């Protein structure tokens, strides 16, 4: 089954069941986190190695936004849910600052 998910590529591997704390500061990811939190939907963290996004990543859920700073930056707690494989990257998502992927 294929699905569209918003993506937040990072140079890390997130395992299912692993907790990950993130500091969100880029406008595109502030938008992604705000929308995913409001809709209670997960987002993907595809792994980046040597500046190249890999074909696999982890779907993560937002457990909590612990702090929203005055400048809009956020500290969040997430948890890995499951692994996905990227079928296609959607760089320009209409009305969004962030990218997405068909997985």
PDB file of N, CA and C in Angstrom:
ATOM      1  N   UNK A   1       0.849  -1.179   0.000  1.00  0.00           N
ATOM      2  CA  UNK A   1       0.000   0.000   0.000  1.00  0.00           C
ATOM      3  C   UNK A   1       0.894   1.242   0.000  1.00  0.00           C
ATOM      4  N   UNK A   2       0.618   2.188  -0.873  1.00  0.00           N
ATOM      5  CA  UNK A   2       1.408   3.412  -0.920  1.00  0.00           C
ATOM      6  C   UNK A   2       0.667   4.543  -0.220  1.00  0.00           C
ATOM      7  N   UNK A   3       1.441   5.431   0.363  1.00  0.00           N
ATOM      8  CA  UNK A   3       0.894   6.576   1.076  1.00  0.00           C
ATOM      9  C   UNK A   3       1.783   7.780   0.847  1.00  0.00           C
ATOM     10  N   UNK A   4       1.188   8.971   0.929  1.00  0.00           N
ATOM     11  CA  UNK A   4       1.962  10.208   0.929  1.00  0.00           C
ATOM     12  C   UNK A   4       2.240  10.593   2.371  1.00  0.00           C
ATOM     13  N   UNK A   5       3.492  10.953   2.660  1.00  0.00           N
ATOM     14  CA  UNK A   5       3.836  11.450   3.995  1.00  0.00           C
ATOM     15  C   UNK A   5       4.728  12.684   3.851  1.00  0.00           C
ATOM     16  N   UNK A   6       4.610  13.637   4.776  1.00  0.00           N
ATOM     17  CA  UNK A   6       5.572  14.731   4.813  1.00  0.00           C
ATOM     18  C   UNK A   6       6.899  14.165   5.308  1.00  0.00           C
ATOM     19  N   UNK A   7       8.016  14.717   4.816  1.00  0.00           N
ATOM     20  CA  UNK A   7       9.307  14.179   5.232  1.00  0.00           C
ATOM     21  C   UNK A   7      10.213  15.255   5.823  1.00  0.00           C
ATOM     22  N   UNK A   8      11.052  14.804   6.735  1.00  0.00           N
ATOM     23  CA  UNK A   8      12.031  15.615   7.455  1.00  0.00           C
ATOM     24  C   UNK A   8      13.350  14.840   7.391  1.00  0.00           C
ATOM     25  N   UNK A   9      14.081  14.938   6.272  1.00  0.00           N
ATOM     26  CA  UNK A   9      15.321  14.164   6.129  1.00  0.00           C
ATOM     27  C   UNK A   9      16.371  14.580   7.153  1.00  0.00           C
ATOM     28  N   UNK A  10      17.008  13.588   7.768  1.00  0.00           N
ATOM     29  CA  UNK A  10      18.050  13.832   8.768  1.00  0.00           C
ATOM     30  C   UNK A  10      19.171  12.802   8.609  1.00  0.00           C
ATOM     31  N   UNK A  11      20.334  13.151   9.087  1.00  0.00           N
ATOM     32  CA  UNK A  11      21.480  12.251   9.032  1.00  0.00           C
ATOM     33  C   UNK A  11      21.517  11.283  10.193  1.00  0.00           C
ATOM     34  N   UNK A  12      20.372  10.691  10.511  1.00  0.00           N
ATOM     35  CA  UNK A  12      20.270   9.723  11.609  1.00  0.00           C
ATOM     36  C   UNK A  12      19.372   8.576  11.190  1.00  0.00           C
ATOM     37  N   UNK A  13      19.418   7.503  11.964  1.00  0.00           N
ATOM     38  CA  UNK A  13      18.497   6.379  11.798  1.00  0.00           C
ATOM     39  C   UNK A  13      17.632   6.341  13.053  1.00  0.00           C
ATOM     40  N   UNK A  14      16.319   6.328  12.870  1.00  0.00           N
ATOM     41  CA  UNK A  14      15.387   6.232  13.990  1.00  0.00           C
ATOM     42  C   UNK A  14      14.761   4.838  13.936  1.00  0.00           C
ATOM     43  N   UNK A  15      14.902   4.088  14.991  1.00  0.00           N
ATOM     44  CA  UNK A  15      14.369   2.737  15.032  1.00  0.00           C
ATOM     45  C   UNK A  15      12.938   2.731  15.569  1.00  0.00           C
ATOM     46  N   UNK A  16      12.114   1.789  15.107  1.00  0.00           N
ATOM     47  CA  UNK A  16      10.765   1.668  15.681  1.00  0.00           C
ATOM     48  C   UNK A  16      10.870   1.475  17.196  1.00  0.00           C
ATOM     49  N   UNK A  17      10.076   2.239  17.916  1.00  0.00           N
ATOM     50  CA  UNK A  17      10.080   2.183  19.371  1.00  0.00           C
ATOM     51  C   UNK A  17      11.060   3.142  20.021  1.00  0.00           C
ATOM     52  N   UNK A  18      11.952   3.739  19.218  1.00  0.00           N
ATOM     53  CA  UNK A  18      12.953   4.662  19.760  1.00  0.00           C
ATOM     54  C   UNK A  18      12.352   6.049  19.972  1.00  0.00           C
ATOM     55  N   UNK A  19      12.673   6.661  21.096  1.00  0.00           N
ATOM     56  CA  UNK A  19      12.265   8.034  21.374  1.00  0.00           C
ATOM     57  C   UNK A  19      13.337   8.981  20.849  1.00  0.00           C
ATOM     58  N   UNK A  20      12.903  10.092  20.253  1.00  0.00           N
ATOM     59  CA  UNK A  20      13.825  11.066  19.685  1.00  0.00           C
ATOM     60  C   UNK A  20      13.322  12.463  20.012  1.00  0.00           C
ATOM     61  N   UNK A  21      14.172  13.265  20.649  1.00  0.00           N
ATOM     62  CA  UNK A  21      13.860  14.663  20.919  1.00  0.00           C
ATOM     63  C   UNK A  21      14.464  15.512  19.810  1.00  0.00           C
ATOM     64  N   UNK A  22      13.708  16.462  19.288  1.00  0.00           N
ATOM     65  CA  UNK A  22      14.166  17.321  18.205  1.00  0.00           C
ATOM     66  C   UNK A  22      13.935  18.788  18.547  1.00  0.00           C
ATOM     67  N   UNK A  23      14.833  19.639  18.070  1.00  0.00           N
ATOM     68  CA  UNK A  23      14.652  21.090  18.145  1.00  0.00           C
ATOM     69  C   UNK A  23      14.332  21.554  16.728  1.00  0.00           C
ATOM     70  N   UNK A  24      13.166  22.131  16.524  1.00  0.00           N
ATOM     71  CA  UNK A  24      12.683  22.527  15.204  1.00  0.00           C
ATOM     72  C   UNK A  24      12.880  24.034  15.045  1.00  0.00           C
ATOM     73  N   UNK A  25      13.640  24.429  14.015  1.00  0.00           N
ATOM     74  CA  UNK A  25      13.916  25.854  13.840  1.00  0.00           C
ATOM     75  C   UNK A  25      13.700  26.355  12.421  1.00  0.00           C
ATOM     76  N   UNK A  26      13.753  25.484  11.412  1.00  0.00           N
ATOM     77  CA  UNK A  26      13.542  25.935  10.036  1.00  0.00           C
ATOM     78  C   UNK A  26      12.053  26.136   9.775  1.00  0.00           C
ATOM     79  N   UNK A  27      11.685  27.211   9.052  1.00  0.00           N
ATOM     80  CA  UNK A  27      10.265  27.481   8.778  1.00  0.00           C
ATOM     81  C   UNK A  27       9.519  26.298   8.158  1.00  0.00           C
ATOM     82  N   UNK A  28      10.149  25.579   7.227  1.00  0.00           N
ATOM     83  CA  UNK A  28       9.451  24.458   6.580  1.00  0.00           C
ATOM     84  C   UNK A  28       9.131  23.362   7.572  1.00  0.00           C
ATOM     85  N   UNK A  29      10.030  23.117   8.534  1.00  0.00           N
ATOM     86  CA  UNK A  29       9.771  22.054   9.500  1.00  0.00           C
ATOM     87  C   UNK A  29       8.874  22.511  10.637  1.00  0.00           C
ATOM     88  N   UNK A  30       8.875  23.813  10.925  1.00  0.00           N
ATOM     89  CA  UNK A  30       7.896  24.334  11.891  1.00  0.00           C
ATOM     90  C   UNK A  30       6.489  24.128  11.325  1.00  0.00           C
ATOM     91  N   UNK A  31       6.323  24.383  10.011  1.00  0.00           N
ATOM     92  CA  UNK A  31       5.027  24.154   9.369  1.00  0.00           C
ATOM     93  C   UNK A  31       4.669  22.665   9.397  1.00  0.00           C
ATOM     94  N   UNK A  32       5.619  21.808   9.062  1.00  0.00           N
ATOM     95  CA  UNK A  32       5.375  20.362   9.049  1.00  0.00           C
ATOM     96  C   UNK A  32       4.937  19.875  10.428  1.00  0.00           C
ATOM     97  N   UNK A  33       5.677  20.242  11.463  1.00  0.00           N
ATOM     98  CA  UNK A  33       5.360  19.783  12.824  1.00  0.00           C
ATOM     99  C   UNK A  33       4.020  20.327  13.291  1.00  0.00           C
ATOM    100  N   UNK A  34       3.748  21.598  13.039  1.00  0.00           N
ATOM    101  CA  UNK A  34       2.468  22.189  13.437  1.00  0.00           C
ATOM    102  C   UNK A  34       1.311  21.439  12.782  1.00  0.00           C
ATOM    103  N   UNK A  35       1.405  21.190  11.469  1.00  0.00           N
ATOM    104  CA  UNK A  35       0.324  20.508  10.757  1.00  0.00           C
ATOM    105  C   UNK A  35       0.167  19.055  11.204  1.00  0.00           C
ATOM    106  N   UNK A  36       1.280  18.347  11.365  1.00  0.00           N
ATOM    107  CA  UNK A  36       1.192  16.955  11.807  1.00  0.00           C
ATOM    108  C   UNK A  36       0.637  16.855  13.220  1.00  0.00           C
ATOM    109  N   UNK A  37       1.025  17.770  14.084  1.00  0.00           N
ATOM    110  CA  UNK A  37       0.517  17.754  15.452  1.00  0.00           C
ATOM    111  C   UNK A  37      -0.983  18.050  15.483  1.00  0.00           C
ATOM    112  N   UNK A  38      -1.412  19.044  14.712  1.00  0.00           N
ATOM    113  CA  UNK A  38      -2.838  19.389  14.693  1.00  0.00           C
ATOM    114  C   UNK A  38      -3.692  18.263  14.125  1.00  0.00           C
ATOM    115  N   UNK A  39      -3.191  17.568  13.119  1.00  0.00           N
ATOM    116  CA  UNK A  39      -3.968  16.504  12.480  1.00  0.00           C
ATOM    117  C   UNK A  39      -3.695  15.134  13.096  1.00  0.00           C
ATOM    118  N   UNK A  40      -2.793  15.082  14.085  1.00  0.00           N
ATOM    119  CA  UNK A  40      -2.431  13.824  14.762  1.00  0.00           C
ATOM    120  C   UNK A  40      -1.905  12.791  13.771  1.00  0.00           C
ATOM    121  N   UNK A  41      -1.126  13.257  12.778  1.00  0.00           N
ATOM    122  CA  UNK A  41      -0.563  12.357  11.771  1.00  0.00           C
ATOM    123  C   UNK A  41       0.952  12.297  11.920  1.00  0.00           C
ATOM    124  N   UNK A  42       1.534  11.136  11.590  1.00  0.00           N
ATOM    125  CA  UNK A  42       2.983  10.995  11.678  1.00  0.00           C
ATOM    126  C   UNK A  42       3.686  11.645  10.486  1.00  0.00           C
ATOM    127  N   UNK A  43       5.000  11.723  10.565  1.00  0.00           N
ATOM    128  CA  UNK A  43       5.816  12.204   9.455  1.00  0.00           C
ATOM    129  C   UNK A  43       7.004  11.268   9.305  1.00  0.00           C
ATOM    130  N   UNK A  44       7.699  11.387   8.177  1.00  0.00           N
ATOM    131  CA  UNK A  44       8.815  10.490   7.906  1.00  0.00           C
ATOM    132  C   UNK A  44      10.161  11.147   8.099  1.00  0.00           C
ATOM    133  N   UNK A  45      11.107  10.386   8.617  1.00  0.00           N
ATOM    134  CA  UNK A  45      12.493  10.821   8.704  1.00  0.00           C
ATOM    135  C   UNK A  45      13.325   9.870   7.846  1.00  0.00           C
ATOM    136  N   UNK A  46      13.500  10.216   6.558  1.00  0.00           N
ATOM    137  CA  UNK A  46      14.398   9.408   5.738  1.00  0.00           C
ATOM    138  C   UNK A  46      15.843   9.721   6.118  1.00  0.00           C
ATOM    139  N   UNK A  47      16.674   8.704   6.106  1.00  0.00           N
ATOM    140  CA  UNK A  47      18.071   8.865   6.485  1.00  0.00           C
ATOM    141  C   UNK A  47      18.870   9.526   5.368  1.00  0.00           C
ATOM    142  N   UNK A  48      19.745  10.461   5.747  1.00  0.00           N
ATOM    143  CA  UNK A  48      20.644  11.128   4.805  1.00  0.00           C
ATOM    144  C   UNK A  48      22.073  10.686   5.129  1.00  0.00           C
ATOM    145  N   UNK A  49      22.763  10.151   4.120  1.00  0.00           N
ATOM    146  CA  UNK A  49      24.156   9.731   4.268  1.00  0.00           C
ATOM    147  C   UNK A  49      24.966  10.414   3.179  1.00  0.00           C
ATOM    148  N   UNK A  50      26.031  11.090   3.581  1.00  0.00           N
ATOM    149  CA  UNK A  50      26.902  11.823   2.653  1.00  0.00           C
ATOM    150  C   UNK A  50      26.089  12.731   1.727  1.00  0.00           C
ATOM    151  N   UNK A  51      25.199  13.508   2.306  1.00  0.00           N
ATOM    152  CA  UNK A  51      24.353  14.493   1.607  1.00  0.00           C
ATOM    153  C   UNK A  51      23.370  13.883   0.623  1.00  0.00           C
ATOM    154  N   UNK A  52      23.137  12.573   0.689  1.00  0.00           N
ATOM    155  CA  UNK A  52      22.174  11.923  -0.212  1.00  0.00           C
ATOM    156  C   UNK A  52      21.090  11.232   0.607  1.00  0.00           C
ATOM    157  N   UNK A  53      19.843  11.587   0.287  1.00  0.00           N
ATOM    158  CA  UNK A  53      18.729  10.946   0.976  1.00  0.00           C
ATOM    159  C   UNK A  53      18.621   9.494   0.526  1.00  0.00           C
ATOM    160  N   UNK A  54      18.532   8.606   1.486  1.00  0.00           N
ATOM    161  CA  UNK A  54      18.461   7.176   1.212  1.00  0.00           C
ATOM    162  C   UNK A  54      17.018   6.753   0.919  1.00  0.00           C
ATOM    163  N   UNK A  55      16.854   5.519   0.481  1.00  0.00           N
ATOM    164  CA  UNK A  55      15.537   5.002   0.105  1.00  0.00           C
ATOM    165  C   UNK A  55      14.705   4.545   1.297  1.00  0.00           C
ATOM    166  N   UNK A  56      15.306   4.496   2.481  1.00  0.00           N
ATOM    167  CA  UNK A  56      14.575   4.022   3.657  1.00  0.00           C
ATOM    168  C   UNK A  56      14.580   5.072   4.754  1.00  0.00           C
ATOM    169  N   UNK A  57      13.577   5.002   5.589  1.00  0.00           N
ATOM    170  CA  UNK A  57      13.471   5.910   6.721  1.00  0.00           C
ATOM    171  C   UNK A  57      12.496   5.365   7.727  1.00  0.00           C
ATOM    172  N   UNK A  58      12.191   6.172   8.720  1.00  0.00           N
ATOM    173  CA  UNK A  58      11.265   5.769   9.780  1.00  0.00           C
ATOM    174  C   UNK A  58      10.103   6.741   9.876  1.00  0.00           C
ATOM    175  N   UNK A  59       8.937   6.176  10.023  1.00  0.00           N
ATOM    176  CA  UNK A  59       7.744   6.967  10.303  1.00  0.00           C
ATOM    177  C   UNK A  59       7.764   7.258  11.797  1.00  0.00           C
ATOM    178  N   UNK A  60       7.570   8.522  12.174  1.00  0.00           N
ATOM    179  CA  UNK A  60       7.582   8.884  13.591  1.00  0.00           C
ATOM    180  C   UNK A  60       6.307   9.638  13.955  1.00  0.00           C
ATOM    181  N   UNK A  61       5.909   9.464  15.202  1.00  0.00           N
ATOM    182  CA  UNK A  61       4.746  10.187  15.709  1.00  0.00           C
ATOM    183  C   UNK A  61       5.211  11.233  16.712  1.00  0.00           C
ATOM    184  N   UNK A  62       4.478  12.322  16.765  1.00  0.00           N
ATOM    185  CA  UNK A  62       4.776  13.375  17.739  1.00  0.00           C
ATOM    186  C   UNK A  62       4.102  12.999  19.050  1.00  0.00           C
ATOM    187  N   UNK A  63       4.901  12.853  20.089  1.00  0.00           N
ATOM    188  CA  UNK A  63       4.358  12.546  21.406  1.00  0.00           C
ATOM    189  C   UNK A  63       3.956  13.822  22.137  1.00  0.00           C
ATOM    190  N   UNK A  64       4.792  14.867  21.958  1.00  0.00           N
ATOM    191  CA  UNK A  64       4.538  16.104  22.702  1.00  0.00           C
ATOM    192  C   UNK A  64       5.376  17.241  22.118  1.00  0.00           C
ATOM    193  N   UNK A  65       4.783  18.408  22.060  1.00  0.00           N
ATOM    194  CA  UNK A  65       5.556  19.622  21.815  1.00  0.00           C
ATOM    195  C   UNK A  65       5.833  20.178  23.196  1.00  0.00           C
ATOM    196  N   UNK A  66       7.087  20.073  23.630  1.00  0.00           N
ATOM    197  CA  UNK A  66       7.412  20.432  25.010  1.00  0.00           C
ATOM    198  C   UNK A  66       7.593  21.930  25.207  1.00  0.00           C
ATOM    199  N   UNK A  67       8.133  22.620  24.182  1.00  0.00           N
ATOM    200  CA  UNK A  67       8.357  24.058  24.286  1.00  0.00           C
ATOM    201  C   UNK A  67       8.126  24.713  22.943  1.00  0.00           C
ATOM    202  N   UNK A  68       7.422  25.835  22.947  1.00  0.00           N
ATOM    203  CA  UNK A  68       7.346  26.701  21.775  1.00  0.00           C
ATOM    204  C   UNK A  68       8.015  28.006  22.185  1.00  0.00           C
ATOM    205  N   UNK A  69       9.135  28.291  21.566  1.00  0.00           N
ATOM    206  CA  UNK A  69       9.916  29.476  21.892  1.00  0.00           C
ATOM    207  C   UNK A  69       9.264  30.722  21.281  1.00  0.00           C
ATOM    208  N   UNK A  70       9.573  31.924  21.794  1.00  0.00           N
ATOM    209  CA  UNK A  70       8.983  33.165  21.271  1.00  0.00           C
ATOM    210  C   UNK A  70       9.196  33.363  19.765  1.00  0.00           C
ATOM    211  N   UNK A  71      10.289  32.845  19.225  1.00  0.00           N
ATOM    212  CA  UNK A  71      10.558  32.985  17.787  1.00  0.00           C
ATOM    213  C   UNK A  71       9.902  31.884  16.952  1.00  0.00           C
ATOM    214  N   UNK A  72       9.091  31.033  17.589  1.00  0.00           N
ATOM    215  CA  UNK A  72       8.386  29.971  16.874  1.00  0.00           C
ATOM    216  C   UNK A  72       9.117  28.643  16.820  1.00  0.00           C
ATOM    217  N   UNK A  73      10.387  28.641  17.258  1.00  0.00           N
ATOM    218  CA  UNK A  73      11.114  27.372  17.303  1.00  0.00           C
ATOM    219  C   UNK A  73      10.454  26.464  18.332  1.00  0.00           C
ATOM    220  N   UNK A  74      10.610  25.147  18.143  1.00  0.00           N
ATOM    221  CA  UNK A  74       9.941  24.180  19.013  1.00  0.00           C
ATOM    222  C   UNK A  74      10.897  23.096  19.475  1.00  0.00           C
ATOM    223  N   UNK A  75      10.646  22.580  20.649  1.00  0.00           N
ATOM    224  CA  UNK A  75      11.287  21.373  21.140  1.00  0.00           C
ATOM    225  C   UNK A  75      10.185  20.323  21.196  1.00  0.00           C
ATOM    226  N   UNK A  76      10.438  19.176  20.552  1.00  0.00           N
ATOM    227  CA  UNK A  76       9.403  18.154  20.488  1.00  0.00           C
ATOM    228  C   UNK A  76       9.957  16.790  20.893  1.00  0.00           C
ATOM    229  N   UNK A  77       9.046  15.926  21.319  1.00  0.00           N
ATOM    230  CA  UNK A  77       9.357  14.527  21.622  1.00  0.00           C
ATOM    231  C   UNK A  77       8.631  13.678  20.586  1.00  0.00           C
ATOM    232  N   UNK A  78       9.378  12.769  19.951  1.00  0.00           N
ATOM    233  CA  UNK A  78       8.792  11.878  18.956  1.00  0.00           C
ATOM    234  C   UNK A  78       9.150  10.435  19.283  1.00  0.00           C
ATOM    235  N   UNK A  79       8.489   9.523  18.570  1.00  0.00           N
ATOM    236  CA  UNK A  79       8.770   8.091  18.739  1.00  0.00           C
ATOM    237  C   UNK A  79       8.660   7.404  17.389  1.00  0.00           C
ATOM    238  N   UNK A  80       9.646   6.575  17.075  1.00  0.00           N
ATOM    239  CA  UNK A  80       9.616   5.803  15.840  1.00  0.00           C
ATOM    240  C   UNK A  80       8.483   4.793  15.847  1.00  0.00           C
ATOM    241  N   UNK A  81       7.788   4.686  14.711  1.00  0.00           N
ATOM    242  CA  UNK A  81       6.659   3.751  14.602  1.00  0.00           C
ATOM    243  C   UNK A  81       7.040   2.538  13.772  1.00  0.00           C
ATOM    244  N   UNK A  82       7.485   2.805  12.508  1.00  0.00           N
ATOM    245  CA  UNK A  82       7.848   1.708  11.608  1.00  0.00           C
ATOM    246  C   UNK A  82       8.734   2.243  10.481  1.00  0.00           C
ATOM    247  N   UNK A  83       9.323   1.325   9.775  1.00  0.00           N
ATOM    248  CA  UNK A  83      10.229   1.644   8.667  1.00  0.00           C
ATOM    249  C   UNK A  83       9.405   1.814   7.389  1.00  0.00           C
ATOM    250  N   UNK A  84       9.866   2.694   6.496  1.00  0.00           N
ATOM    251  CA  UNK A  84       9.234   2.833   5.177  1.00  0.00           C
ATOM    252  C   UNK A  84      10.307   2.870   4.096  1.00  0.00           C
ATOM    253  N   UNK A  85       9.880   2.631   2.867  1.00  0.00           N
ATOM    254  CA  UNK A  85      10.753   2.755   1.701  1.00  0.00           C
ATOM    255  C   UNK A  85      10.200   3.853   0.815  1.00  0.00           C
ATOM    256  N   UNK A  86      11.058   4.774   0.416  1.00  0.00           N
ATOM    257  CA  UNK A  86      10.661   5.886  -0.449  1.00  0.00           C
ATOM    258  C   UNK A  86      10.514   5.378  -1.879  1.00  0.00           C
ATOM    259  N   UNK A  87       9.329   5.589  -2.454  1.00  0.00           N
ATOM    260  CA  UNK A  87       9.095   5.250  -3.853  1.00  0.00           C
ATOM    261  C   UNK A  87       9.313   6.460  -4.747  1.00  0.00           C
ATOM    262  N   UNK A  88       8.924   7.632  -4.236  1.00  0.00           N
ATOM    263  CA  UNK A  88       9.078   8.865  -5.007  1.00  0.00           C
ATOM    264  C   UNK A  88       9.108  10.048  -4.051  1.00  0.00           C
ATOM    265  N   UNK A  89      10.023  10.979  -4.282  1.00  0.00           N
ATOM    266  CA  UNK A  89      10.095  12.203  -3.495  1.00  0.00           C
ATOM    267  C   UNK A  89       9.290  13.283  -4.218  1.00  0.00           C
ATOM    268  N   UNK A  90       8.456  13.988  -3.475  1.00  0.00           N
ATOM    269  CA  UNK A  90       7.665  15.103  -3.993  1.00  0.00           C
ATOM    270  C   UNK A  90       8.286  16.371  -3.408  1.00  0.00           C
ATOM    271  N   UNK A  91       9.152  17.023  -4.191  1.00  0.00           N
ATOM    272  CA  UNK A  91       9.875  18.198  -3.681  1.00  0.00           C
ATOM    273  C   UNK A  91       8.960  19.397  -3.486  1.00  0.00           C
ATOM    274  N   UNK A  92       8.023  19.606  -4.409  1.00  0.00           N
ATOM    275  CA  UNK A  92       7.121  20.757  -4.335  1.00  0.00           C
ATOM    276  C   UNK A  92       5.705  20.295  -4.031  1.00  0.00           C
ATOM    277  N   UNK A  93       5.339  20.380  -2.769  1.00  0.00           N
ATOM    278  CA  UNK A  93       3.986  20.037  -2.335  1.00  0.00           C
ATOM    279  C   UNK A  93       3.180  21.331  -2.352  1.00  0.00           C
ATOM    280  N   UNK A  94       2.022  21.357  -3.035  1.00  0.00           N
ATOM    281  CA  UNK A  94       1.241  22.604  -3.112  1.00  0.00           C
ATOM    282  C   UNK A  94       0.946  23.198  -1.729  1.00  0.00           C
ATOM    283  N   UNK A  95       1.190  24.494  -1.606  1.00  0.00           N
ATOM    284  CA  UNK A  95       0.914  25.265  -0.385  1.00  0.00           C
ATOM    285  C   UNK A  95       1.738  24.832   0.828  1.00  0.00           C
ATOM    286  N   UNK A  96       2.828  24.103   0.611  1.00  0.00           N
ATOM    287  CA  UNK A  96       3.665  23.647   1.725  1.00  0.00           C
ATOM    288  C   UNK A  96       5.102  24.105   1.513  1.00  0.00           C
ATOM    289  N   UNK A  97       5.796  24.360   2.605  1.00  0.00           N
ATOM    290  CA  UNK A  97       7.205  24.705   2.544  1.00  0.00           C
ATOM    291  C   UNK A  97       8.083  23.449   2.536  1.00  0.00           C
ATOM    292  N   UNK A  98       7.543  22.333   3.046  1.00  0.00           N
ATOM    293  CA  UNK A  98       8.289  21.092   3.170  1.00  0.00           C
ATOM    294  C   UNK A  98       8.027  20.145   1.998  1.00  0.00           C
ATOM    295  N   UNK A  99       8.874  19.137   1.894  1.00  0.00           N
ATOM    296  CA  UNK A  99       8.729  18.114   0.859  1.00  0.00           C
ATOM    297  C   UNK A  99       7.950  16.925   1.419  1.00  0.00           C
ATOM    298  N   UNK A 100       7.592  16.034   0.527  1.00  0.00           N
ATOM    299  CA  UNK A 100       6.899  14.824   0.920  1.00  0.00           C
ATOM    300  C   UNK A 100       7.412  13.659   0.120  1.00  0.00           C
ATOM    301  N   UNK A 101       6.843  12.499   0.385  1.00  0.00           N
ATOM    302  CA  UNK A 101       7.247  11.302  -0.343  1.00  0.00           C
ATOM    303  C   UNK A 101       6.078  10.336  -0.440  1.00  0.00           C
ATOM    304  N   UNK A 102       6.097   9.600  -1.549  1.00  0.00           N
ATOM    305  CA  UNK A 102       5.203   8.454  -1.687  1.00  0.00           C
ATOM    306  C   UNK A 102       5.992   7.270  -1.155  1.00  0.00           C
ATOM    307  N   UNK A 103       5.420   6.589  -0.185  1.00  0.00           N
ATOM    308  CA  UNK A 103       6.120   5.468   0.463  1.00  0.00           C
ATOM    309  C   UNK A 103       5.280   4.207   0.411  1.00  0.00           C
TER     310      UNK A 103
END
